[in-house]
Amino acid sequence: MTALALLIVLISAFLHAFWNLLLKRANSGLALMWLIFVSMVVVYLPVAAIIVITQQPIIGWRELVAMFGNGVLQLIYFLLLNQSYRFGDLSVVYPLARGSGPLLVTVYAITFIGETPTIWALGGATLIAVGVLILSFNPQGLRAPGAAKGVMFALLTGATIATYTLWDRYAVHDLKIDPFLYLWVGSVAQWLIITPFVLRRGAELGDEWRAHWKVALSIGTISIFAYALILFALTFTQVSYIAPAREISVLVGSMMGSRVLAEELSARRLIAAAAMVVGMIGLALG
């Protein structure tokens, strides 16, 4: 794994953990999702326009299916993740969701795509997975009201992460779609899909805007940028390296849950942190 890919993944990990913290603190529903998608579309419209004008990409039916498919998968992901945070602690939900998905991706990439990570990389990915599992074991969080539902939605979120990661890898690696343009069209698709359901809740949307417009703008802006970094890294790095490396965000998110949201903090986090840091070193050496 190159130094550039590693740096990109680390920056993305911190950004990803931060917007998840914002989403958890907002603790809202469909109206907030709509505001987030609107923010994505508006903020990155100039970027998409510049890409179209300067690169003049050829968009055929495969590219359109890929971009709108990304929108559908990302919408499912956002809805499941939001439901997870409505029932479970950040320090439980985030590790489960982020940890289960990349494990599935790595297994699939080795088995079906034919990627061949080195022993160092496989060892690093394993250590990161162990760290995720240690962080996920939170007895206090699991005993909280609604924790079982939080775990269920977190695991469903993880399965969705695995699906869209492989889908997106095909789009930017095989179809050569620009990452920002790809994500922007996907955001438009999400906005179009969700709009009919939100318009029936005019009063709720107004309340959500007054309460959380800054949160929606922040999440919309940060989430696309953070994931565009990952898509860029996927254009020159194996997905079996990128997927587990992204899980350093689990450590960041878990620490944020403890420091900012006053969730349970124990010595096991130090063990998990050590395992994940060593795992990252293994991926870097691989």
C-alpha atoms as a PDB file:
ATOM      1  CA  MET A   1       0.000   0.000   0.000  1.00  0.00           C
ATOM      2  CA  THR A   2       1.582   3.291  -1.084  1.00  0.00           C
ATOM      3  CA  ALA A   3       2.178   6.213   1.266  1.00  0.00           C
ATOM      4  CA  LEU A   4      -0.238   8.342  -0.767  1.00  0.00           C
ATOM      5  CA  ALA A   5      -3.040   5.764  -0.480  1.00  0.00           C
ATOM      6  CA  LEU A   6      -2.420   5.440   3.262  1.00  0.00           C
ATOM      7  CA  LEU A   7      -2.515   9.220   3.774  1.00  0.00           C
ATOM      8  CA  ILE A   8      -5.737   9.502   1.776  1.00  0.00           C
ATOM      9  CA  VAL A   9      -7.390   6.754   3.809  1.00  0.00           C
ATOM     10  CA  LEU A  10      -6.362   8.331   7.129  1.00  0.00           C
ATOM     11  CA  ILE A  11      -7.720  11.755   6.177  1.00  0.00           C
ATOM     12  CA  SER A  12     -10.958  10.164   4.980  1.00  0.00           C
ATOM     13  CA  ALA A  13     -11.236   8.143   8.189  1.00  0.00           C
ATOM     14  CA  PHE A  14     -11.142  11.231  10.414  1.00  0.00           C
ATOM     15  CA  LEU A  15     -13.674  13.057   8.234  1.00  0.00           C
ATOM     16  CA  HIS A  16     -15.969  10.026   8.146  1.00  0.00           C
ATOM     17  CA  ALA A  17     -15.920   9.596  11.919  1.00  0.00           C
ATOM     18  CA  PHE A  18     -16.634  13.300  12.401  1.00  0.00           C
ATOM     19  CA  TRP A  19     -19.768  13.410  10.236  1.00  0.00           C
ATOM     20  CA  ASN A  20     -21.031  10.233  11.893  1.00  0.00           C
ATOM     21  CA  LEU A  21     -20.685  12.017  15.211  1.00  0.00           C
ATOM     22  CA  LEU A  22     -22.769  14.894  13.846  1.00  0.00           C
ATOM     23  CA  LEU A  23     -25.441  12.475  12.598  1.00  0.00           C
ATOM     24  CA  LYS A  24     -25.595  10.677  15.939  1.00  0.00           C
ATOM     25  CA  ARG A  25     -25.961  13.931  17.883  1.00  0.00           C
ATOM     26  CA  ALA A  26     -28.750  15.160  15.584  1.00  0.00           C
ATOM     27  CA  ASN A  27     -30.757  11.957  16.175  1.00  0.00           C
ATOM     28  CA  SER A  28     -33.322  12.821  13.483  1.00  0.00           C
ATOM     29  CA  GLY A  29     -35.187  11.046  10.689  1.00  0.00           C
ATOM     30  CA  LEU A  30     -36.116  11.273   7.020  1.00  0.00           C
ATOM     31  CA  ALA A  31     -36.345  15.073   6.899  1.00  0.00           C
ATOM     32  CA  LEU A  32     -32.703  15.417   7.941  1.00  0.00           C
ATOM     33  CA  MET A  33     -31.700  12.890   5.271  1.00  0.00           C
ATOM     34  CA  TRP A  34     -33.447  15.040   2.649  1.00  0.00           C
ATOM     35  CA  LEU A  35     -31.635  18.160   3.817  1.00  0.00           C
ATOM     36  CA  ILE A  36     -28.311  16.302   3.674  1.00  0.00           C
ATOM     37  CA  PHE A  37     -28.940  15.181   0.093  1.00  0.00           C
ATOM     38  CA  VAL A  38     -29.946  18.706  -0.924  1.00  0.00           C
ATOM     39  CA  SER A  39     -26.696  19.978   0.588  1.00  0.00           C
ATOM     40  CA  MET A  40     -24.715  17.423  -1.410  1.00  0.00           C
ATOM     41  CA  VAL A  41     -26.407  18.408  -4.666  1.00  0.00           C
ATOM     42  CA  VAL A  42     -26.075  22.178  -4.166  1.00  0.00           C
ATOM     43  CA  VAL A  43     -22.543  22.295  -2.726  1.00  0.00           C
ATOM     44  CA  TYR A  44     -20.989  20.042  -5.364  1.00  0.00           C
ATOM     45  CA  LEU A  45     -22.960  21.276  -8.383  1.00  0.00           C
ATOM     46  CA  PRO A  46     -20.115  23.648  -9.420  1.00  0.00           C
ATOM     47  CA  VAL A  47     -17.590  20.807  -9.096  1.00  0.00           C
ATOM     48  CA  ALA A  48     -19.717  18.503 -11.252  1.00  0.00           C
ATOM     49  CA  ALA A  49     -20.179  21.254 -13.833  1.00  0.00           C
ATOM     50  CA  ILE A  50     -16.428  21.915 -14.037  1.00  0.00           C
ATOM     51  CA  ILE A  51     -15.726  18.196 -14.498  1.00  0.00           C
ATOM     52  CA  VAL A  52     -18.276  17.917 -17.305  1.00  0.00           C
ATOM     53  CA  ILE A  53     -16.969  21.041 -19.076  1.00  0.00           C
ATOM     54  CA  THR A  54     -13.261  20.287 -18.763  1.00  0.00           C
ATOM     55  CA  GLN A  55     -13.231  16.478 -19.096  1.00  0.00           C
ATOM     56  CA  GLN A  56     -16.278  16.014 -21.342  1.00  0.00           C
ATOM     57  CA  PRO A  57     -16.802  12.453 -20.072  1.00  0.00           C
ATOM     58  CA  ILE A  58     -18.592   9.910 -22.244  1.00  0.00           C
ATOM     59  CA  ILE A  59     -21.638   8.772 -20.269  1.00  0.00           C
ATOM     60  CA  GLY A  60     -23.289   5.636 -21.651  1.00  0.00           C
ATOM     61  CA  TRP A  61     -25.948   3.378 -20.192  1.00  0.00           C
ATOM     62  CA  ARG A  62     -23.444   1.473 -18.032  1.00  0.00           C
ATOM     63  CA  GLU A  63     -22.159   4.687 -16.474  1.00  0.00           C
ATOM     64  CA  LEU A  64     -25.694   5.943 -15.821  1.00  0.00           C
ATOM     65  CA  VAL A  65     -26.709   2.646 -14.203  1.00  0.00           C
ATOM     66  CA  ALA A  66     -23.568   2.734 -12.063  1.00  0.00           C
ATOM     67  CA  MET A  67     -24.158   6.319 -10.886  1.00  0.00           C
ATOM     68  CA  PHE A  68     -27.856   5.935 -10.129  1.00  0.00           C
ATOM     69  CA  GLY A  69     -27.191   2.538  -8.550  1.00  0.00           C
ATOM     70  CA  ASN A  70     -24.742   4.265  -6.245  1.00  0.00           C
ATOM     71  CA  GLY A  71     -27.517   6.687  -5.270  1.00  0.00           C
ATOM     72  CA  VAL A  72     -29.877   3.839  -4.370  1.00  0.00           C
ATOM     73  CA  LEU A  73     -27.240   1.976  -2.346  1.00  0.00           C
ATOM     74  CA  GLN A  74     -26.094   5.134  -0.551  1.00  0.00           C
ATOM     75  CA  LEU A  75     -29.698   6.006   0.305  1.00  0.00           C
ATOM     76  CA  ILE A  76     -30.204   2.568   1.843  1.00  0.00           C
ATOM     77  CA  TYR A  77     -26.948   3.028   3.734  1.00  0.00           C
ATOM     78  CA  PHE A  78     -27.914   6.448   5.125  1.00  0.00           C
ATOM     79  CA  LEU A  79     -31.369   5.263   6.207  1.00  0.00           C
ATOM     80  CA  LEU A  80     -30.028   2.133   7.921  1.00  0.00           C
ATOM     81  CA  LEU A  81     -27.206   4.066   9.596  1.00  0.00           C
ATOM     82  CA  ASN A  82     -29.584   6.722  10.877  1.00  0.00           C
ATOM     83  CA  GLN A  83     -31.866   4.026  12.293  1.00  0.00           C
ATOM     84  CA  SER A  84     -28.852   2.386  13.950  1.00  0.00           C
ATOM     85  CA  TYR A  85     -27.988   5.624  15.761  1.00  0.00           C
ATOM     86  CA  ARG A  86     -31.573   6.115  16.905  1.00  0.00           C
ATOM     87  CA  PHE A  87     -31.347   2.881  18.899  1.00  0.00           C
ATOM     88  CA  GLY A  88     -27.668   2.270  19.701  1.00  0.00           C
ATOM     89  CA  ASP A  89     -24.604   4.091  21.033  1.00  0.00           C
ATOM     90  CA  LEU A  90     -22.070   5.486  18.579  1.00  0.00           C
ATOM     91  CA  SER A  91     -19.353   3.342  20.198  1.00  0.00           C
ATOM     92  CA  VAL A  92     -21.398   0.181  19.491  1.00  0.00           C
ATOM     93  CA  VAL A  93     -23.037   0.973  16.152  1.00  0.00           C
ATOM     94  CA  TYR A  94     -20.042   2.537  14.414  1.00  0.00           C
ATOM     95  CA  PRO A  95     -17.597  -0.370  14.966  1.00  0.00           C
ATOM     96  CA  LEU A  96     -20.186  -2.979  13.968  1.00  0.00           C
ATOM     97  CA  ALA A  97     -21.283  -1.171  10.818  1.00  0.00           C
ATOM     98  CA  ARG A  98     -17.798  -0.159   9.698  1.00  0.00           C
ATOM     99  CA  GLY A  99     -16.155  -3.446  10.692  1.00  0.00           C
ATOM    100  CA  SER A 100     -18.497  -6.012   9.171  1.00  0.00           C
ATOM    101  CA  GLY A 101     -18.674  -4.468   5.701  1.00  0.00           C
ATOM    102  CA  PRO A 102     -14.946  -4.345   4.828  1.00  0.00           C
ATOM    103  CA  LEU A 103     -14.412  -7.894   6.051  1.00  0.00           C
ATOM    104  CA  LEU A 104     -16.969  -9.055   3.485  1.00  0.00           C
ATOM    105  CA  VAL A 105     -15.318  -6.881   0.829  1.00  0.00           C
ATOM    106  CA  THR A 106     -11.866  -8.332   1.481  1.00  0.00           C
ATOM    107  CA  VAL A 107     -13.091 -11.921   1.310  1.00  0.00           C
ATOM    108  CA  TYR A 108     -14.971 -11.194  -1.925  1.00  0.00           C
ATOM    109  CA  ALA A 109     -12.002  -9.378  -3.503  1.00  0.00           C
ATOM    110  CA  ILE A 110      -9.651 -12.271  -2.822  1.00  0.00           C
ATOM    111  CA  THR A 111     -12.128 -14.973  -3.823  1.00  0.00           C
ATOM    112  CA  PHE A 112     -13.833 -13.497  -6.888  1.00  0.00           C
ATOM    113  CA  ILE A 113     -11.830 -10.511  -8.149  1.00  0.00           C
ATOM    114  CA  GLY A 114      -8.518 -12.326  -7.874  1.00  0.00           C
ATOM    115  CA  GLU A 115      -6.669  -9.799  -5.729  1.00  0.00           C
ATOM    116  CA  THR A 116      -3.617 -11.204  -3.953  1.00  0.00           C
ATOM    117  CA  PRO A 117      -2.670  -9.161  -0.882  1.00  0.00           C
ATOM    118  CA  THR A 118       0.649  -9.942   0.779  1.00  0.00           C
ATOM    119  CA  ILE A 119       1.026 -11.798   4.074  1.00  0.00           C
ATOM    120  CA  TRP A 120       1.766  -8.458   5.749  1.00  0.00           C
ATOM    121  CA  ALA A 121      -1.429  -6.973   4.371  1.00  0.00           C
ATOM    122  CA  LEU A 122      -3.544  -9.969   5.360  1.00  0.00           C
ATOM    123  CA  GLY A 123      -2.064  -9.892   8.855  1.00  0.00           C
ATOM    124  CA  GLY A 124      -2.747  -6.174   9.105  1.00  0.00           C
ATOM    125  CA  ALA A 125      -6.349  -6.594   7.931  1.00  0.00           C
ATOM    126  CA  THR A 126      -6.834  -9.350  10.508  1.00  0.00           C
ATOM    127  CA  LEU A 127      -5.490  -7.197  13.334  1.00  0.00           C
ATOM    128  CA  ILE A 128      -7.756  -4.319  12.322  1.00  0.00           C
ATOM    129  CA  ALA A 129     -10.718  -6.713  12.345  1.00  0.00           C
ATOM    130  CA  VAL A 130      -9.721  -7.916  15.824  1.00  0.00           C
ATOM    131  CA  GLY A 131      -9.547  -4.311  17.006  1.00  0.00           C
ATOM    132  CA  VAL A 132     -13.021  -3.663  15.596  1.00  0.00           C
ATOM    133  CA  LEU A 133     -14.417  -6.695  17.408  1.00  0.00           C
ATOM    134  CA  ILE A 134     -12.850  -5.577  20.681  1.00  0.00           C
ATOM    135  CA  LEU A 135     -14.360  -2.122  20.284  1.00  0.00           C
ATOM    136  CA  SER A 136     -17.733  -3.632  19.402  1.00  0.00           C
ATOM    137  CA  PHE A 137     -17.871  -5.578  22.647  1.00  0.00           C
ATOM    138  CA  ASN A 138     -19.524  -2.984  24.828  1.00  0.00           C
ATOM    139  CA  PRO A 139     -21.620  -4.689  27.537  1.00  0.00           C
ATOM    140  CA  GLN A 140     -22.978  -1.403  28.897  1.00  0.00           C
ATOM    141  CA  GLY A 141     -23.977  -0.177  25.453  1.00  0.00           C
ATOM    142  CA  LEU A 142     -25.544  -3.523  24.568  1.00  0.00           C
ATOM    143  CA  ARG A 143     -27.703  -3.423  27.694  1.00  0.00           C
ATOM    144  CA  ALA A 144     -29.139  -0.010  26.828  1.00  0.00           C
ATOM    145  CA  PRO A 145     -32.804   0.206  25.744  1.00  0.00           C
ATOM    146  CA  GLY A 146     -33.167  -0.597  22.056  1.00  0.00           C
ATOM    147  CA  ALA A 147     -29.582  -1.874  21.793  1.00  0.00           C
ATOM    148  CA  ALA A 148     -30.634  -5.078  20.013  1.00  0.00           C
ATOM    149  CA  LYS A 149     -32.301  -3.057  17.270  1.00  0.00           C
ATOM    150  CA  GLY A 150     -29.209  -0.879  17.042  1.00  0.00           C
ATOM    151  CA  VAL A 151     -27.034  -3.960  16.509  1.00  0.00           C
ATOM    152  CA  MET A 152     -29.420  -5.358  13.886  1.00  0.00           C
ATOM    153  CA  PHE A 153     -29.454  -2.119  11.888  1.00  0.00           C
ATOM    154  CA  ALA A 154     -25.676  -1.785  12.275  1.00  0.00           C
ATOM    155  CA  LEU A 155     -25.103  -5.233  10.741  1.00  0.00           C
ATOM    156  CA  LEU A 156     -27.499  -4.431   7.895  1.00  0.00           C
ATOM    157  CA  THR A 157     -25.543  -1.225   7.385  1.00  0.00           C
ATOM    158  CA  GLY A 158     -22.335  -3.254   7.202  1.00  0.00           C
ATOM    159  CA  ALA A 159     -23.788  -5.512   4.504  1.00  0.00           C
ATOM    160  CA  THR A 160     -24.780  -2.404   2.543  1.00  0.00           C
ATOM    161  CA  ILE A 161     -21.271  -0.984   2.922  1.00  0.00           C
ATOM    162  CA  ALA A 162     -19.834  -4.170   1.413  1.00  0.00           C
ATOM    163  CA  THR A 163     -22.255  -3.974  -1.506  1.00  0.00           C
ATOM    164  CA  TYR A 164     -21.669  -0.323  -2.390  1.00  0.00           C
ATOM    165  CA  THR A 165     -17.884  -0.594  -1.934  1.00  0.00           C
ATOM    166  CA  LEU A 166     -17.665  -3.318  -4.591  1.00  0.00           C
ATOM    167  CA  TRP A 167     -20.165  -1.482  -6.808  1.00  0.00           C
ATOM    168  CA  ASP A 168     -18.191   1.744  -6.524  1.00  0.00           C
ATOM    169  CA  ARG A 169     -14.884   0.007  -7.163  1.00  0.00           C
ATOM    170  CA  TYR A 170     -16.262  -1.225 -10.485  1.00  0.00           C
ATOM    171  CA  ALA A 171     -17.503   2.267 -11.372  1.00  0.00           C
ATOM    172  CA  VAL A 172     -14.279   4.206 -10.743  1.00  0.00           C
ATOM    173  CA  HIS A 173     -11.754   1.459 -11.517  1.00  0.00           C
ATOM    174  CA  ASP A 174     -13.306  -0.344 -14.480  1.00  0.00           C
ATOM    175  CA  LEU A 175     -15.623   2.305 -15.960  1.00  0.00           C
ATOM    176  CA  LYS A 176     -13.199   5.159 -15.131  1.00  0.00           C
ATOM    177  CA  ILE A 177     -15.943   7.513 -13.878  1.00  0.00           C
ATOM    178  CA  ASP A 178     -14.662  10.617 -12.091  1.00  0.00           C
ATOM    179  CA  PRO A 179     -15.261  10.104  -8.337  1.00  0.00           C
ATOM    180  CA  PHE A 180     -16.823  13.529  -7.692  1.00  0.00           C
ATOM    181  CA  LEU A 181     -19.111  13.367 -10.718  1.00  0.00           C
ATOM    182  CA  TYR A 182     -20.046   9.815  -9.751  1.00  0.00           C
ATOM    183  CA  LEU A 183     -21.006  10.791  -6.215  1.00  0.00           C
ATOM    184  CA  TRP A 184     -22.805  13.957  -7.297  1.00  0.00           C
ATOM    185  CA  VAL A 185     -25.101  12.105  -9.721  1.00  0.00           C
ATOM    186  CA  GLY A 186     -25.680   9.533  -6.985  1.00  0.00           C
ATOM    187  CA  SER A 187     -26.691  12.363  -4.637  1.00  0.00           C
ATOM    188  CA  VAL A 188     -29.176  13.664  -7.214  1.00  0.00           C
ATOM    189  CA  ALA A 189     -30.648  10.155  -7.422  1.00  0.00           C
ATOM    190  CA  GLN A 190     -30.997   9.987  -3.634  1.00  0.00           C
ATOM    191  CA  TRP A 191     -32.674  13.396  -3.541  1.00  0.00           C
ATOM    192  CA  LEU A 192     -35.138  12.457  -6.297  1.00  0.00           C
ATOM    193  CA  ILE A 193     -36.066   9.160  -4.634  1.00  0.00           C
ATOM    194  CA  ILE A 194     -36.649  10.581  -1.183  1.00  0.00           C
ATOM    195  CA  THR A 195     -38.376  13.858  -2.131  1.00  0.00           C
ATOM    196  CA  PRO A 196     -41.946  12.493  -2.638  1.00  0.00           C
ATOM    197  CA  PHE A 197     -41.902  10.980   0.847  1.00  0.00           C
ATOM    198  CA  VAL A 198     -40.552  14.117   2.527  1.00  0.00           C
ATOM    199  CA  LEU A 199     -42.913  16.576   0.840  1.00  0.00           C
ATOM    200  CA  ARG A 200     -45.795  14.964   2.713  1.00  0.00           C
ATOM    201  CA  ARG A 201     -44.169  16.194   5.924  1.00  0.00           C
ATOM    202  CA  GLY A 202     -43.901  19.907   5.264  1.00  0.00           C
ATOM    203  CA  ALA A 203     -44.097  20.979   8.894  1.00  0.00           C
ATOM    204  CA  GLU A 204     -41.502  18.414   9.974  1.00  0.00           C
ATOM    205  CA  LEU A 205     -39.148  19.540   7.221  1.00  0.00           C
ATOM    206  CA  GLY A 206     -39.436  23.154   8.341  1.00  0.00           C
ATOM    207  CA  ASP A 207     -38.703  22.223  11.954  1.00  0.00           C
ATOM    208  CA  GLU A 208     -35.736  20.115  10.858  1.00  0.00           C
ATOM    209  CA  TRP A 209     -34.357  22.970   8.775  1.00  0.00           C
ATOM    210  CA  ARG A 210     -34.508  25.406  11.678  1.00  0.00           C
ATOM    211  CA  ALA A 211     -32.943  22.922  14.096  1.00  0.00           C
ATOM    212  CA  HIS A 212     -30.309  21.191  11.984  1.00  0.00           C
ATOM    213  CA  TRP A 213     -29.542  23.081   8.774  1.00  0.00           C
ATOM    214  CA  LYS A 214     -25.918  23.556   9.803  1.00  0.00           C
ATOM    215  CA  VAL A 215     -25.627  19.838  10.587  1.00  0.00           C
ATOM    216  CA  ALA A 216     -27.160  18.880   7.237  1.00  0.00           C
ATOM    217  CA  LEU A 217     -24.827  21.220   5.356  1.00  0.00           C
ATOM    218  CA  SER A 218     -21.791  19.926   7.226  1.00  0.00           C
ATOM    219  CA  ILE A 219     -22.640  16.240   6.724  1.00  0.00           C
ATOM    220  CA  GLY A 220     -23.510  16.744   3.070  1.00  0.00           C
ATOM    221  CA  THR A 221     -20.246  18.544   2.376  1.00  0.00           C
ATOM    222  CA  ILE A 222     -17.927  16.345   4.430  1.00  0.00           C
ATOM    223  CA  SER A 223     -19.401  12.942   3.547  1.00  0.00           C
ATOM    224  CA  ILE A 224     -18.989  13.317  -0.218  1.00  0.00           C
ATOM    225  CA  PHE A 225     -15.458  14.685   0.102  1.00  0.00           C
ATOM    226  CA  ALA A 226     -14.424  11.911   2.501  1.00  0.00           C
ATOM    227  CA  TYR A 227     -15.746   9.170   0.254  1.00  0.00           C
ATOM    228  CA  ALA A 228     -14.406  10.776  -2.936  1.00  0.00           C
ATOM    229  CA  LEU A 229     -10.959  10.417  -1.390  1.00  0.00           C
ATOM    230  CA  ILE A 230     -11.567   6.684  -0.976  1.00  0.00           C
ATOM    231  CA  LEU A 231     -12.817   6.328  -4.543  1.00  0.00           C
ATOM    232  CA  PHE A 232      -9.704   8.110  -5.791  1.00  0.00           C
ATOM    233  CA  ALA A 233      -7.521   5.697  -3.813  1.00  0.00           C
ATOM    234  CA  LEU A 234      -9.435   2.767  -5.331  1.00  0.00           C
ATOM    235  CA  THR A 235      -8.335   3.854  -8.812  1.00  0.00           C
ATOM    236  CA  PHE A 236      -4.751   2.804  -8.040  1.00  0.00           C
ATOM    237  CA  THR A 237      -4.959   0.532  -4.959  1.00  0.00           C
ATOM    238  CA  GLN A 238      -6.507  -2.902  -4.394  1.00  0.00           C
ATOM    239  CA  VAL A 239      -9.868  -2.864  -2.656  1.00  0.00           C
ATOM    240  CA  SER A 240      -8.643  -5.610  -0.286  1.00  0.00           C
ATOM    241  CA  TYR A 241      -6.159  -3.020   1.043  1.00  0.00           C
ATOM    242  CA  ILE A 242      -8.429   0.029   1.086  1.00  0.00           C
ATOM    243  CA  ALA A 243     -11.470  -1.614   2.733  1.00  0.00           C
ATOM    244  CA  PRO A 244      -9.738  -2.736   5.943  1.00  0.00           C
ATOM    245  CA  ALA A 245      -7.540   0.378   6.104  1.00  0.00           C
ATOM    246  CA  ARG A 246     -10.684   2.541   6.240  1.00  0.00           C
ATOM    247  CA  GLU A 247     -11.517   0.929   9.573  1.00  0.00           C
ATOM    248  CA  ILE A 248      -9.146   3.217  11.409  1.00  0.00           C
ATOM    249  CA  SER A 249     -12.213   5.470  11.374  1.00  0.00           C
ATOM    250  CA  VAL A 250     -13.769   2.971  13.784  1.00  0.00           C
ATOM    251  CA  LEU A 251     -11.135   3.830  16.365  1.00  0.00           C
ATOM    252  CA  VAL A 252     -11.630   7.555  15.794  1.00  0.00           C
ATOM    253  CA  GLY A 253     -15.421   7.244  15.954  1.00  0.00           C
ATOM    254  CA  SER A 254     -15.299   5.136  19.084  1.00  0.00           C
ATOM    255  CA  MET A 255     -13.042   7.656  20.822  1.00  0.00           C
ATOM    256  CA  MET A 256     -15.350  10.475  19.770  1.00  0.00           C
ATOM    257  CA  GLY A 257     -18.288   8.568  21.217  1.00  0.00           C
ATOM    258  CA  SER A 258     -16.459   8.317  24.516  1.00  0.00           C
ATOM    259  CA  ARG A 259     -15.108  11.850  24.708  1.00  0.00           C
ATOM    260  CA  VAL A 260     -17.931  13.871  23.181  1.00  0.00           C
ATOM    261  CA  LEU A 261     -21.026  11.786  23.923  1.00  0.00           C
ATOM    262  CA  ALA A 262     -19.836  10.483  27.319  1.00  0.00           C
ATOM    263  CA  GLU A 263     -20.223   6.859  26.241  1.00  0.00           C
ATOM    264  CA  GLU A 264     -18.468   4.084  28.152  1.00  0.00           C
ATOM    265  CA  LEU A 265     -14.635   4.175  28.058  1.00  0.00           C
ATOM    266  CA  SER A 266     -12.408   1.324  29.260  1.00  0.00           C
ATOM    267  CA  ALA A 267      -8.931  -0.142  28.955  1.00  0.00           C
ATOM    268  CA  ARG A 268     -10.075  -2.435  26.127  1.00  0.00           C
ATOM    269  CA  ARG A 269      -9.981   0.598  23.830  1.00  0.00           C
ATOM    270  CA  LEU A 270      -6.213   0.781  24.319  1.00  0.00           C
ATOM    271  CA  ILE A 271      -5.891  -2.881  23.324  1.00  0.00           C
ATOM    272  CA  ALA A 272      -8.112  -2.329  20.301  1.00  0.00           C
ATOM    273  CA  ALA A 273      -6.163   0.801  19.363  1.00  0.00           C
ATOM    274  CA  ALA A 274      -2.851  -1.060  19.556  1.00  0.00           C
ATOM    275  CA  ALA A 275      -4.191  -3.882  17.361  1.00  0.00           C
ATOM    276  CA  MET A 276      -5.519  -1.455  14.770  1.00  0.00           C
ATOM    277  CA  VAL A 277      -2.353   0.662  14.667  1.00  0.00           C
ATOM    278  CA  VAL A 278      -0.200  -2.438  14.174  1.00  0.00           C
ATOM    279  CA  GLY A 279      -2.687  -3.574  11.542  1.00  0.00           C
ATOM    280  CA  MET A 280      -2.293  -0.280   9.690  1.00  0.00           C
ATOM    281  CA  ILE A 281       1.500  -0.757   9.763  1.00  0.00           C
ATOM    282  CA  GLY A 282       0.998  -4.217   8.250  1.00  0.00           C
ATOM    283  CA  LEU A 283      -1.121  -2.788   5.441  1.00  0.00           C
ATOM    284  CA  ALA A 284       1.476  -0.084   4.822  1.00  0.00           C
ATOM    285  CA  LEU A 285       4.251  -2.664   4.578  1.00  0.00           C
ATOM    286  CA  GLY A 286       2.059  -4.759   2.277  1.00  0.00           C
END
